[in-house]
Amino acid sequence: MVSNKINGLCARRRSKRGGVMADFGGGEDGADLVGRWCVVVAKPGMDRTARARLEAQKFEVYVPLAVSEAPKTPRNPKGGLNIRPFFPRYLFVRLSDASIGWWRSMYGTIGVSSVFVGPDQRPVAVPPRIIEALQAREENGFIKVAQASPEPERWQRGDAVRYATEAGDLDAIFVQPVDKTRAEILFNLLGRETSKVVTLATLK
């Protein structure tokens, strides 16, 4: 799970309702956190908004992107590339000399849900080796991930099938799948070859 991966990097997650407005502690200016990465959680579907708003406040944001080959489907016969966040909803934010003084503003940023903080209510620093390992896996800005093998089709183009109708079963030819529940078939109706999209449940 994505949350397990992130939780392994940080001590715990605190919502903005949990008293995160407390002072840093351990140093008036938080100098020990300058140059370190922390984890910000975006609201569902607002990853891009959160990133843009954080960057507008001069925070440096790193969002690892995963790329994989999109499977070929009847609606997308050429396939293509599927690009998505490697950790959906999770953003890495590096605190700098310029931004360390207003890190708490991240909680009020549009698109941000929470920030990972420790028992001292300060941002938990992500070990540099984690960021370095992610960046080392990138090629042209993306982390390549393997495409899951699609489930084999029950029928292939040209296979003989039986199409169940209220009047009885008809002999038909499987043409192609349309989606996960429907397929196109070809059958003889009153001496004429007829193409029709039917539900897979009617085929056998």
N, C-alpha and C. Protein backbone atom coordinates (compact mmCIF):
# COMPACT_ATOMS: atom_id res chain seq x y z
N MET A 1 0.84 -1.19 0.00
CA MET A 1 0.00 0.00 0.00
C MET A 1 0.87 1.24 0.00
N VAL A 2 0.39 2.29 -0.71
CA VAL A 2 1.15 3.53 -0.77
C VAL A 2 1.34 4.11 0.61
N SER A 3 0.27 4.09 1.43
CA SER A 3 0.37 4.68 2.76
C SER A 3 1.42 3.98 3.60
N ASN A 4 1.57 2.66 3.42
CA ASN A 4 2.58 1.93 4.18
C ASN A 4 3.98 2.37 3.79
N LYS A 5 4.18 2.63 2.49
CA LYS A 5 5.49 3.08 2.03
C LYS A 5 5.84 4.42 2.65
N ILE A 6 4.86 5.32 2.65
CA ILE A 6 5.13 6.65 3.19
C ILE A 6 5.27 6.59 4.69
N ASN A 7 4.42 5.80 5.35
CA ASN A 7 4.51 5.71 6.80
C ASN A 7 5.85 5.15 7.24
N GLY A 8 6.48 4.37 6.38
CA GLY A 8 7.80 3.85 6.71
C GLY A 8 8.85 4.93 6.73
N LEU A 9 8.58 6.06 6.08
CA LEU A 9 9.53 7.15 6.03
C LEU A 9 9.35 8.12 7.19
N CYS A 10 8.16 8.20 7.69
CA CYS A 10 7.84 9.25 8.65
C CYS A 10 7.28 8.66 9.94
N ALA A 11 7.34 9.45 10.99
CA ALA A 11 6.90 8.97 12.29
C ALA A 11 5.40 8.80 12.34
N ARG A 12 4.64 9.81 11.98
CA ARG A 12 3.19 9.71 11.98
C ARG A 12 2.60 10.92 11.30
N ARG A 13 1.33 10.80 10.98
CA ARG A 13 0.63 11.88 10.29
C ARG A 13 -0.26 12.60 11.27
N ARG A 14 -0.22 13.94 11.19
CA ARG A 14 -1.09 14.74 12.03
C ARG A 14 -1.92 15.65 11.15
N SER A 15 -3.19 15.74 11.39
CA SER A 15 -4.03 16.62 10.59
C SER A 15 -3.88 18.04 11.09
N LYS A 16 -4.36 18.99 10.30
CA LYS A 16 -4.22 20.38 10.67
C LYS A 16 -5.11 20.75 11.85
N ARG A 17 -5.92 19.81 12.27
CA ARG A 17 -6.75 20.08 13.44
C ARG A 17 -6.07 19.63 14.73
N GLY A 18 -4.88 19.06 14.60
CA GLY A 18 -4.25 18.45 15.76
C GLY A 18 -3.22 19.32 16.44
N GLY A 19 -3.37 20.61 16.40
CA GLY A 19 -2.46 21.48 17.14
C GLY A 19 -1.14 21.68 16.47
N VAL A 20 -1.08 21.70 15.16
CA VAL A 20 0.19 21.82 14.46
C VAL A 20 0.72 23.25 14.48
N MET A 21 -0.02 24.18 15.06
CA MET A 21 0.43 25.55 15.08
C MET A 21 1.41 25.82 16.21
N ALA A 22 1.79 24.76 16.94
CA ALA A 22 2.75 24.94 18.02
C ALA A 22 4.10 25.34 17.45
N ASP A 23 4.95 25.97 18.30
CA ASP A 23 6.27 26.40 17.86
C ASP A 23 7.13 25.20 17.51
N PHE A 24 8.17 25.46 16.73
CA PHE A 24 9.07 24.40 16.31
C PHE A 24 9.63 23.64 17.51
N GLY A 25 10.23 24.33 18.42
CA GLY A 25 10.97 23.64 19.48
C GLY A 25 12.29 23.17 18.92
N GLY A 26 13.28 23.00 19.75
CA GLY A 26 14.57 22.51 19.28
C GLY A 26 15.26 23.51 18.38
N GLY A 27 15.01 24.79 18.56
CA GLY A 27 15.65 25.81 17.73
C GLY A 27 14.63 26.82 17.27
N GLU A 28 14.92 28.08 17.44
CA GLU A 28 13.94 29.11 17.12
C GLU A 28 13.64 29.17 15.63
N ASP A 29 14.65 28.94 14.79
CA ASP A 29 14.44 29.12 13.36
C ASP A 29 14.32 27.80 12.60
N GLY A 30 14.38 26.67 13.31
CA GLY A 30 14.27 25.38 12.64
C GLY A 30 15.39 25.14 11.66
N ALA A 31 16.58 25.65 11.97
CA ALA A 31 17.70 25.55 11.04
C ALA A 31 18.05 24.10 10.71
N ASP A 32 17.74 23.17 11.64
CA ASP A 32 18.08 21.77 11.38
C ASP A 32 17.22 21.16 10.29
N LEU A 33 16.12 21.83 9.91
CA LEU A 33 15.24 21.32 8.87
C LEU A 33 15.49 21.95 7.51
N VAL A 34 16.33 22.96 7.46
CA VAL A 34 16.61 23.62 6.19
C VAL A 34 17.28 22.62 5.24
N GLY A 35 16.76 22.52 4.04
CA GLY A 35 17.31 21.60 3.06
C GLY A 35 16.76 20.19 3.16
N ARG A 36 15.89 19.94 4.15
CA ARG A 36 15.32 18.61 4.32
C ARG A 36 13.96 18.53 3.66
N TRP A 37 13.58 17.31 3.29
CA TRP A 37 12.29 17.06 2.66
C TRP A 37 11.27 16.61 3.70
N CYS A 38 10.04 17.09 3.57
CA CYS A 38 8.95 16.60 4.41
C CYS A 38 7.83 16.11 3.49
N VAL A 39 6.81 15.51 4.07
CA VAL A 39 5.73 14.92 3.28
C VAL A 39 4.42 15.68 3.50
N VAL A 40 3.82 16.10 2.40
CA VAL A 40 2.53 16.78 2.42
C VAL A 40 1.52 15.87 1.74
N VAL A 41 0.33 15.80 2.30
CA VAL A 41 -0.73 14.96 1.73
C VAL A 41 -1.77 15.85 1.07
N ALA A 42 -2.04 15.60 -0.19
CA ALA A 42 -3.03 16.39 -0.93
C ALA A 42 -4.43 15.81 -0.72
N LYS A 43 -5.42 16.65 -0.88
CA LYS A 43 -6.80 16.18 -0.84
C LYS A 43 -7.06 15.32 -2.07
N PRO A 44 -8.01 14.39 -1.99
CA PRO A 44 -8.29 13.52 -3.14
C PRO A 44 -8.54 14.31 -4.42
N GLY A 45 -7.81 13.93 -5.47
CA GLY A 45 -7.98 14.56 -6.76
C GLY A 45 -7.40 15.95 -6.89
N MET A 46 -6.63 16.39 -5.89
CA MET A 46 -6.10 17.76 -5.91
C MET A 46 -4.58 17.79 -5.85
N ASP A 47 -3.93 16.74 -6.33
CA ASP A 47 -2.47 16.69 -6.33
C ASP A 47 -1.86 17.88 -7.08
N ARG A 48 -2.36 18.12 -8.28
CA ARG A 48 -1.79 19.20 -9.10
C ARG A 48 -2.05 20.56 -8.49
N THR A 49 -3.26 20.74 -7.96
CA THR A 49 -3.59 22.02 -7.34
C THR A 49 -2.69 22.29 -6.14
N ALA A 50 -2.52 21.27 -5.30
CA ALA A 50 -1.68 21.43 -4.11
C ALA A 50 -0.25 21.78 -4.52
N ARG A 51 0.26 21.10 -5.52
CA ARG A 51 1.62 21.37 -5.97
C ARG A 51 1.77 22.80 -6.48
N ALA A 52 0.84 23.22 -7.32
CA ALA A 52 0.91 24.56 -7.88
C ALA A 52 0.83 25.63 -6.80
N ARG A 53 -0.04 25.42 -5.82
CA ARG A 53 -0.20 26.41 -4.76
C ARG A 53 1.02 26.45 -3.84
N LEU A 54 1.61 25.30 -3.60
CA LEU A 54 2.82 25.26 -2.76
C LEU A 54 3.99 25.94 -3.48
N GLU A 55 4.12 25.66 -4.75
CA GLU A 55 5.21 26.27 -5.52
C GLU A 55 5.02 27.78 -5.62
N ALA A 56 3.77 28.23 -5.63
CA ALA A 56 3.51 29.67 -5.67
C ALA A 56 3.98 30.35 -4.40
N GLN A 57 4.11 29.56 -3.31
CA GLN A 57 4.60 30.09 -2.04
C GLN A 57 6.11 29.89 -1.90
N LYS A 58 6.76 29.52 -3.00
CA LYS A 58 8.22 29.35 -3.05
C LYS A 58 8.70 28.08 -2.35
N PHE A 59 7.80 27.10 -2.16
CA PHE A 59 8.23 25.80 -1.66
C PHE A 59 8.72 24.97 -2.85
N GLU A 60 9.79 24.22 -2.63
CA GLU A 60 10.25 23.30 -3.66
C GLU A 60 9.49 21.99 -3.50
N VAL A 61 8.83 21.55 -4.55
CA VAL A 61 7.97 20.37 -4.49
C VAL A 61 8.49 19.29 -5.44
N TYR A 62 8.55 18.07 -4.94
CA TYR A 62 8.98 16.94 -5.76
C TYR A 62 7.87 15.89 -5.75
N VAL A 63 7.37 15.56 -6.94
CA VAL A 63 6.33 14.55 -7.09
C VAL A 63 6.85 13.48 -8.06
N PRO A 64 7.30 12.34 -7.56
CA PRO A 64 7.76 11.28 -8.46
C PRO A 64 6.62 10.81 -9.36
N LEU A 65 6.90 10.68 -10.63
CA LEU A 65 5.89 10.25 -11.59
C LEU A 65 6.24 8.88 -12.14
N ALA A 66 5.24 8.01 -12.18
CA ALA A 66 5.42 6.66 -12.73
C ALA A 66 4.88 6.63 -14.14
N VAL A 67 5.55 5.90 -15.01
CA VAL A 67 5.08 5.75 -16.38
C VAL A 67 5.08 4.27 -16.74
N SER A 68 4.03 3.85 -17.41
CA SER A 68 3.92 2.47 -17.86
C SER A 68 3.19 2.46 -19.19
N GLU A 69 3.29 1.36 -19.90
CA GLU A 69 2.60 1.24 -21.17
C GLU A 69 1.12 0.98 -20.93
N ALA A 70 0.28 1.78 -21.56
CA ALA A 70 -1.16 1.57 -21.44
C ALA A 70 -1.55 0.37 -22.30
N PRO A 71 -2.37 -0.53 -21.77
CA PRO A 71 -2.76 -1.71 -22.56
C PRO A 71 -3.60 -1.32 -23.76
N LYS A 72 -3.48 -2.10 -24.81
CA LYS A 72 -4.28 -1.86 -26.01
C LYS A 72 -5.69 -2.40 -25.78
N THR A 73 -6.67 -1.60 -26.13
CA THR A 73 -8.07 -1.98 -25.98
C THR A 73 -8.80 -1.62 -27.27
N PRO A 74 -10.02 -2.12 -27.44
CA PRO A 74 -10.78 -1.75 -28.64
C PRO A 74 -10.96 -0.24 -28.77
N ARG A 75 -11.09 0.45 -27.64
CA ARG A 75 -11.26 1.90 -27.69
C ARG A 75 -9.92 2.62 -27.83
N ASN A 76 -8.84 1.95 -27.48
CA ASN A 76 -7.51 2.54 -27.57
C ASN A 76 -6.57 1.52 -28.20
N PRO A 77 -6.76 1.24 -29.50
CA PRO A 77 -6.00 0.16 -30.16
C PRO A 77 -4.50 0.41 -30.23
N LYS A 78 -4.07 1.67 -30.14
CA LYS A 78 -2.65 1.97 -30.23
C LYS A 78 -1.95 1.93 -28.88
N GLY A 79 -2.71 1.80 -27.82
CA GLY A 79 -2.09 1.79 -26.50
C GLY A 79 -1.60 3.18 -26.14
N GLY A 80 -0.33 3.28 -25.74
CA GLY A 80 0.23 4.57 -25.36
C GLY A 80 0.92 4.49 -24.02
N LEU A 81 1.01 5.62 -23.35
CA LEU A 81 1.67 5.68 -22.05
C LEU A 81 0.68 6.11 -20.97
N ASN A 82 0.82 5.51 -19.82
CA ASN A 82 0.00 5.85 -18.66
C ASN A 82 0.90 6.53 -17.64
N ILE A 83 0.69 7.82 -17.40
CA ILE A 83 1.51 8.58 -16.46
C ILE A 83 0.67 8.94 -15.24
N ARG A 84 1.21 8.67 -14.07
CA ARG A 84 0.47 8.93 -12.83
C ARG A 84 1.47 9.15 -11.70
N PRO A 85 1.06 9.76 -10.60
CA PRO A 85 1.97 9.92 -9.46
C PRO A 85 2.42 8.56 -8.92
N PHE A 86 3.68 8.44 -8.58
CA PHE A 86 4.19 7.19 -8.02
C PHE A 86 3.56 6.94 -6.65
N PHE A 87 3.36 8.01 -5.88
CA PHE A 87 2.65 7.95 -4.60
C PHE A 87 1.44 8.88 -4.70
N PRO A 88 0.30 8.41 -5.16
CA PRO A 88 -0.86 9.29 -5.31
C PRO A 88 -1.19 10.04 -4.01
N ARG A 89 -1.39 11.33 -4.13
CA ARG A 89 -1.75 12.26 -3.06
C ARG A 89 -0.57 12.69 -2.19
N TYR A 90 0.60 12.07 -2.33
CA TYR A 90 1.74 12.42 -1.48
C TYR A 90 2.74 13.27 -2.25
N LEU A 91 3.13 14.39 -1.64
CA LEU A 91 4.09 15.30 -2.24
C LEU A 91 5.26 15.48 -1.29
N PHE A 92 6.46 15.55 -1.83
CA PHE A 92 7.64 15.85 -1.02
C PHE A 92 7.94 17.34 -1.15
N VAL A 93 8.10 18.00 -0.03
CA VAL A 93 8.37 19.44 -0.02
C VAL A 93 9.68 19.69 0.72
N ARG A 94 10.60 20.41 0.06
CA ARG A 94 11.88 20.72 0.70
C ARG A 94 11.84 22.12 1.30
N LEU A 95 12.20 22.20 2.56
CA LEU A 95 12.21 23.48 3.27
C LEU A 95 13.54 24.18 3.04
N SER A 96 13.48 25.45 2.75
CA SER A 96 14.68 26.24 2.46
C SER A 96 14.81 27.37 3.47
N ASP A 97 15.92 28.09 3.39
CA ASP A 97 16.10 29.25 4.27
C ASP A 97 14.96 30.24 4.09
N ALA A 98 14.46 30.33 2.86
CA ALA A 98 13.41 31.30 2.57
C ALA A 98 12.04 30.85 3.06
N SER A 99 11.79 29.52 3.03
CA SER A 99 10.44 29.03 3.35
C SER A 99 10.30 28.47 4.76
N ILE A 100 11.40 28.25 5.47
CA ILE A 100 11.32 27.61 6.78
C ILE A 100 10.48 28.42 7.76
N GLY A 101 10.47 29.74 7.58
CA GLY A 101 9.75 30.60 8.51
C GLY A 101 8.24 30.51 8.39
N TRP A 102 7.73 30.02 7.26
CA TRP A 102 6.28 29.94 7.10
C TRP A 102 5.81 28.55 6.67
N TRP A 103 6.50 27.52 7.17
CA TRP A 103 6.11 26.17 6.78
C TRP A 103 4.68 25.85 7.18
N ARG A 104 4.18 26.50 8.26
CA ARG A 104 2.81 26.22 8.71
C ARG A 104 1.76 26.65 7.69
N SER A 105 2.15 27.53 6.78
CA SER A 105 1.19 27.98 5.76
C SER A 105 0.78 26.84 4.84
N MET A 106 1.54 25.74 4.86
CA MET A 106 1.17 24.60 4.02
C MET A 106 -0.19 24.06 4.40
N TYR A 107 -0.56 24.18 5.69
CA TYR A 107 -1.84 23.65 6.15
C TYR A 107 -3.02 24.42 5.57
N GLY A 108 -2.82 25.69 5.30
CA GLY A 108 -3.90 26.49 4.74
C GLY A 108 -3.87 26.57 3.23
N THR A 109 -2.98 25.81 2.62
CA THR A 109 -2.84 25.84 1.17
C THR A 109 -3.97 25.06 0.51
N ILE A 110 -4.56 25.65 -0.51
CA ILE A 110 -5.64 24.98 -1.25
C ILE A 110 -5.12 23.66 -1.82
N GLY A 111 -5.86 22.60 -1.57
CA GLY A 111 -5.49 21.28 -2.08
C GLY A 111 -4.73 20.43 -1.09
N VAL A 112 -4.25 21.04 0.01
CA VAL A 112 -3.48 20.29 1.01
C VAL A 112 -4.40 19.77 2.11
N SER A 113 -4.24 18.50 2.44
CA SER A 113 -5.03 17.88 3.51
C SER A 113 -4.28 17.90 4.84
N SER A 114 -3.00 17.53 4.82
CA SER A 114 -2.23 17.46 6.05
C SER A 114 -0.75 17.40 5.75
N VAL A 115 0.04 17.44 6.82
CA VAL A 115 1.49 17.36 6.74
C VAL A 115 1.95 16.33 7.76
N PHE A 116 2.94 15.53 7.41
CA PHE A 116 3.48 14.56 8.36
C PHE A 116 4.35 15.30 9.37
N VAL A 117 4.03 15.15 10.66
CA VAL A 117 4.82 15.77 11.71
C VAL A 117 5.14 14.72 12.76
N GLY A 118 6.14 15.02 13.58
CA GLY A 118 6.55 14.11 14.63
C GLY A 118 5.96 14.50 15.97
N PRO A 119 6.39 13.85 17.05
CA PRO A 119 5.87 14.14 18.39
C PRO A 119 6.10 15.60 18.81
N ASP A 120 7.13 16.24 18.23
CA ASP A 120 7.40 17.63 18.57
C ASP A 120 6.59 18.59 17.71
N GLN A 121 5.69 18.03 16.91
CA GLN A 121 4.79 18.81 16.06
C GLN A 121 5.54 19.62 15.00
N ARG A 122 6.70 19.14 14.62
CA ARG A 122 7.45 19.72 13.51
C ARG A 122 7.43 18.74 12.35
N PRO A 123 7.62 19.22 11.12
CA PRO A 123 7.66 18.31 9.98
C PRO A 123 8.71 17.22 10.17
N VAL A 124 8.35 16.00 9.84
CA VAL A 124 9.29 14.89 9.92
C VAL A 124 10.16 14.90 8.67
N ALA A 125 11.46 14.91 8.87
CA ALA A 125 12.39 14.94 7.74
C ALA A 125 12.51 13.56 7.11
N VAL A 126 12.33 13.50 5.81
CA VAL A 126 12.49 12.25 5.07
C VAL A 126 13.98 11.99 4.88
N PRO A 127 14.46 10.79 5.17
CA PRO A 127 15.88 10.49 4.96
C PRO A 127 16.29 10.81 3.52
N PRO A 128 17.39 11.53 3.32
CA PRO A 128 17.82 11.90 1.97
C PRO A 128 17.96 10.71 1.03
N ARG A 129 18.34 9.55 1.57
CA ARG A 129 18.55 8.39 0.70
C ARG A 129 17.26 7.95 0.01
N ILE A 130 16.11 8.25 0.64
CA ILE A 130 14.83 7.89 0.03
C ILE A 130 14.60 8.71 -1.23
N ILE A 131 14.80 10.01 -1.12
CA ILE A 131 14.63 10.89 -2.28
C ILE A 131 15.66 10.55 -3.36
N GLU A 132 16.89 10.32 -2.93
CA GLU A 132 17.95 9.99 -3.88
C GLU A 132 17.64 8.69 -4.62
N ALA A 133 17.09 7.71 -3.91
CA ALA A 133 16.76 6.43 -4.54
C ALA A 133 15.65 6.60 -5.57
N LEU A 134 14.66 7.43 -5.25
CA LEU A 134 13.58 7.67 -6.20
C LEU A 134 14.10 8.39 -7.44
N GLN A 135 14.91 9.41 -7.23
CA GLN A 135 15.44 10.17 -8.36
C GLN A 135 16.39 9.34 -9.20
N ALA A 136 17.09 8.39 -8.57
CA ALA A 136 18.01 7.54 -9.31
C ALA A 136 17.27 6.60 -10.25
N ARG A 137 16.03 6.30 -9.94
CA ARG A 137 15.23 5.40 -10.77
C ARG A 137 14.60 6.12 -11.96
N GLU A 138 14.67 7.43 -11.97
CA GLU A 138 14.01 8.19 -13.02
C GLU A 138 14.79 8.15 -14.33
N GLU A 139 14.06 8.09 -15.41
CA GLU A 139 14.60 8.22 -16.76
C GLU A 139 13.77 9.28 -17.47
N ASN A 140 14.43 10.38 -17.81
CA ASN A 140 13.72 11.50 -18.45
C ASN A 140 12.58 12.01 -17.57
N GLY A 141 12.79 11.96 -16.26
CA GLY A 141 11.80 12.51 -15.34
C GLY A 141 10.71 11.55 -14.90
N PHE A 142 10.80 10.28 -15.32
CA PHE A 142 9.76 9.32 -14.96
C PHE A 142 10.37 8.04 -14.40
N ILE A 143 9.62 7.39 -13.51
CA ILE A 143 10.00 6.09 -12.98
C ILE A 143 9.22 5.03 -13.75
N LYS A 144 9.93 4.17 -14.45
CA LYS A 144 9.26 3.14 -15.24
C LYS A 144 8.75 2.03 -14.33
N VAL A 145 7.52 1.66 -14.53
CA VAL A 145 6.94 0.54 -13.77
C VAL A 145 6.40 -0.47 -14.77
N ALA A 146 6.42 -1.72 -14.36
CA ALA A 146 5.97 -2.78 -15.26
C ALA A 146 4.46 -2.75 -15.38
N GLN A 147 3.99 -3.04 -16.57
CA GLN A 147 2.55 -3.12 -16.81
C GLN A 147 2.03 -4.47 -16.36
N ALA A 148 0.93 -4.44 -15.63
CA ALA A 148 0.33 -5.70 -15.20
C ALA A 148 -0.16 -6.48 -16.41
N SER A 149 0.08 -7.76 -16.39
CA SER A 149 -0.35 -8.59 -17.52
C SER A 149 -1.87 -8.69 -17.55
N PRO A 150 -2.47 -8.38 -18.69
CA PRO A 150 -3.93 -8.44 -18.76
C PRO A 150 -4.42 -9.88 -18.68
N GLU A 151 -5.64 -10.04 -18.19
CA GLU A 151 -6.22 -11.37 -18.13
C GLU A 151 -6.48 -11.87 -19.55
N PRO A 152 -6.21 -13.13 -19.82
CA PRO A 152 -6.43 -13.65 -21.17
C PRO A 152 -7.91 -13.58 -21.55
N GLU A 153 -8.18 -13.27 -22.81
CA GLU A 153 -9.55 -13.22 -23.29
C GLU A 153 -10.11 -14.63 -23.37
N ARG A 154 -11.38 -14.76 -23.02
CA ARG A 154 -12.00 -16.07 -23.07
C ARG A 154 -12.16 -16.53 -24.51
N TRP A 155 -12.49 -15.57 -25.40
CA TRP A 155 -12.65 -15.88 -26.81
C TRP A 155 -11.75 -14.99 -27.65
N GLN A 156 -11.28 -15.53 -28.74
CA GLN A 156 -10.46 -14.78 -29.68
C GLN A 156 -11.26 -14.51 -30.95
N ARG A 157 -10.81 -13.54 -31.72
CA ARG A 157 -11.48 -13.20 -32.97
C ARG A 157 -11.59 -14.43 -33.87
N GLY A 158 -12.79 -14.69 -34.36
CA GLY A 158 -13.01 -15.83 -35.25
C GLY A 158 -13.49 -17.08 -34.55
N ASP A 159 -13.50 -17.08 -33.21
CA ASP A 159 -13.97 -18.26 -32.47
C ASP A 159 -15.47 -18.45 -32.66
N ALA A 160 -15.87 -19.71 -32.75
CA ALA A 160 -17.29 -20.03 -32.83
C ALA A 160 -17.89 -19.98 -31.42
N VAL A 161 -19.02 -19.31 -31.27
CA VAL A 161 -19.69 -19.20 -29.98
C VAL A 161 -21.18 -19.47 -30.17
N ARG A 162 -21.87 -19.64 -29.06
CA ARG A 162 -23.32 -19.79 -29.08
C ARG A 162 -23.92 -18.55 -28.41
N TYR A 163 -24.86 -17.92 -29.11
CA TYR A 163 -25.50 -16.70 -28.61
C TYR A 163 -26.90 -17.06 -28.11
N ALA A 164 -27.12 -16.90 -26.81
CA ALA A 164 -28.40 -17.26 -26.20
C ALA A 164 -29.43 -16.16 -26.39
N THR A 165 -30.56 -16.51 -27.01
CA THR A 165 -31.66 -15.56 -27.20
C THR A 165 -32.93 -16.17 -26.63
N GLU A 166 -33.99 -15.37 -26.56
CA GLU A 166 -35.26 -15.88 -26.05
C GLU A 166 -35.82 -16.97 -26.95
N ALA A 167 -35.44 -16.91 -28.24
CA ALA A 167 -35.94 -17.91 -29.19
C ALA A 167 -35.06 -19.15 -29.24
N GLY A 168 -33.96 -19.13 -28.49
CA GLY A 168 -33.05 -20.26 -28.52
C GLY A 168 -31.64 -19.82 -28.85
N ASP A 169 -30.70 -20.76 -28.82
CA ASP A 169 -29.30 -20.45 -29.09
C ASP A 169 -29.05 -20.33 -30.59
N LEU A 170 -28.19 -19.37 -30.93
CA LEU A 170 -27.79 -19.17 -32.32
C LEU A 170 -26.29 -19.37 -32.45
N ASP A 171 -25.87 -19.96 -33.57
CA ASP A 171 -24.44 -20.06 -33.86
C ASP A 171 -23.93 -18.68 -34.27
N ALA A 172 -22.78 -18.30 -33.74
CA ALA A 172 -22.23 -16.97 -34.05
C ALA A 172 -20.71 -17.03 -34.08
N ILE A 173 -20.13 -15.95 -34.57
CA ILE A 173 -18.68 -15.81 -34.63
C ILE A 173 -18.28 -14.64 -33.73
N PHE A 174 -17.30 -14.88 -32.87
CA PHE A 174 -16.82 -13.82 -31.99
C PHE A 174 -15.95 -12.86 -32.81
N VAL A 175 -16.27 -11.55 -32.76
CA VAL A 175 -15.53 -10.56 -33.53
C VAL A 175 -14.47 -9.88 -32.66
N GLN A 176 -14.91 -9.23 -31.58
CA GLN A 176 -13.97 -8.54 -30.71
C GLN A 176 -14.66 -8.11 -29.42
N PRO A 177 -13.89 -7.96 -28.33
CA PRO A 177 -14.48 -7.43 -27.10
C PRO A 177 -14.72 -5.93 -27.25
N VAL A 178 -15.77 -5.44 -26.62
CA VAL A 178 -16.08 -4.01 -26.64
C VAL A 178 -15.63 -3.38 -25.33
N ASP A 179 -15.93 -4.04 -24.23
CA ASP A 179 -15.45 -3.62 -22.91
C ASP A 179 -15.44 -4.87 -22.03
N LYS A 180 -15.44 -4.68 -20.73
CA LYS A 180 -15.32 -5.83 -19.83
C LYS A 180 -16.58 -6.70 -19.80
N THR A 181 -17.70 -6.17 -20.25
CA THR A 181 -18.95 -6.93 -20.15
C THR A 181 -19.63 -7.19 -21.49
N ARG A 182 -19.11 -6.59 -22.58
CA ARG A 182 -19.78 -6.74 -23.87
C ARG A 182 -18.79 -7.13 -24.97
N ALA A 183 -19.34 -7.69 -26.05
CA ALA A 183 -18.51 -8.07 -27.19
C ALA A 183 -19.34 -7.96 -28.46
N GLU A 184 -18.63 -7.85 -29.57
CA GLU A 184 -19.29 -7.82 -30.88
C GLU A 184 -19.25 -9.22 -31.48
N ILE A 185 -20.40 -9.66 -31.99
CA ILE A 185 -20.46 -10.97 -32.62
C ILE A 185 -21.08 -10.83 -34.01
N LEU A 186 -20.92 -11.88 -34.80
CA LEU A 186 -21.48 -11.92 -36.15
C LEU A 186 -22.29 -13.21 -36.26
N PHE A 187 -23.56 -13.10 -36.68
CA PHE A 187 -24.37 -14.30 -36.80
C PHE A 187 -25.30 -14.17 -38.00
N ASN A 188 -25.86 -15.30 -38.40
CA ASN A 188 -26.73 -15.35 -39.58
C ASN A 188 -28.17 -15.17 -39.14
N LEU A 189 -28.79 -14.11 -39.64
CA LEU A 189 -30.19 -13.84 -39.31
C LEU A 189 -30.99 -13.76 -40.60
N LEU A 190 -31.84 -14.78 -40.79
CA LEU A 190 -32.68 -14.85 -41.99
C LEU A 190 -31.85 -14.76 -43.26
N GLY A 191 -30.72 -15.48 -43.27
CA GLY A 191 -29.89 -15.54 -44.45
C GLY A 191 -28.97 -14.35 -44.63
N ARG A 192 -28.91 -13.46 -43.64
CA ARG A 192 -28.05 -12.27 -43.76
C ARG A 192 -27.08 -12.22 -42.58
N GLU A 193 -25.79 -11.98 -42.89
CA GLU A 193 -24.80 -11.84 -41.82
C GLU A 193 -25.07 -10.55 -41.05
N THR A 194 -25.25 -10.67 -39.75
CA THR A 194 -25.61 -9.53 -38.91
C THR A 194 -24.60 -9.35 -37.79
N SER A 195 -24.14 -8.12 -37.60
CA SER A 195 -23.22 -7.79 -36.52
C SER A 195 -24.01 -7.19 -35.36
N LYS A 196 -23.66 -7.59 -34.14
CA LYS A 196 -24.39 -7.09 -32.98
C LYS A 196 -23.48 -7.08 -31.76
N VAL A 197 -23.67 -6.07 -30.91
CA VAL A 197 -22.96 -6.01 -29.63
C VAL A 197 -23.85 -6.63 -28.56
N VAL A 198 -23.33 -7.64 -27.88
CA VAL A 198 -24.12 -8.36 -26.88
C VAL A 198 -23.33 -8.45 -25.58
N THR A 199 -24.01 -8.79 -24.51
CA THR A 199 -23.32 -8.97 -23.24
C THR A 199 -22.63 -10.33 -23.23
N LEU A 200 -21.50 -10.40 -22.56
CA LEU A 200 -20.74 -11.64 -22.52
C LEU A 200 -21.53 -12.76 -21.85
N ALA A 201 -22.46 -12.37 -20.97
CA ALA A 201 -23.25 -13.37 -20.26
C ALA A 201 -24.14 -14.17 -21.20
N THR A 202 -24.40 -13.63 -22.41
CA THR A 202 -25.27 -14.35 -23.36
C THR A 202 -24.48 -15.27 -24.28
N LEU A 203 -23.16 -15.31 -24.12
CA LEU A 203 -22.33 -16.14 -24.98
C LEU A 203 -21.86 -17.39 -24.25
N LYS A 204 -21.69 -18.45 -25.00
CA LYS A 204 -21.16 -19.68 -24.43
C LYS A 204 -20.52 -20.53 -25.51
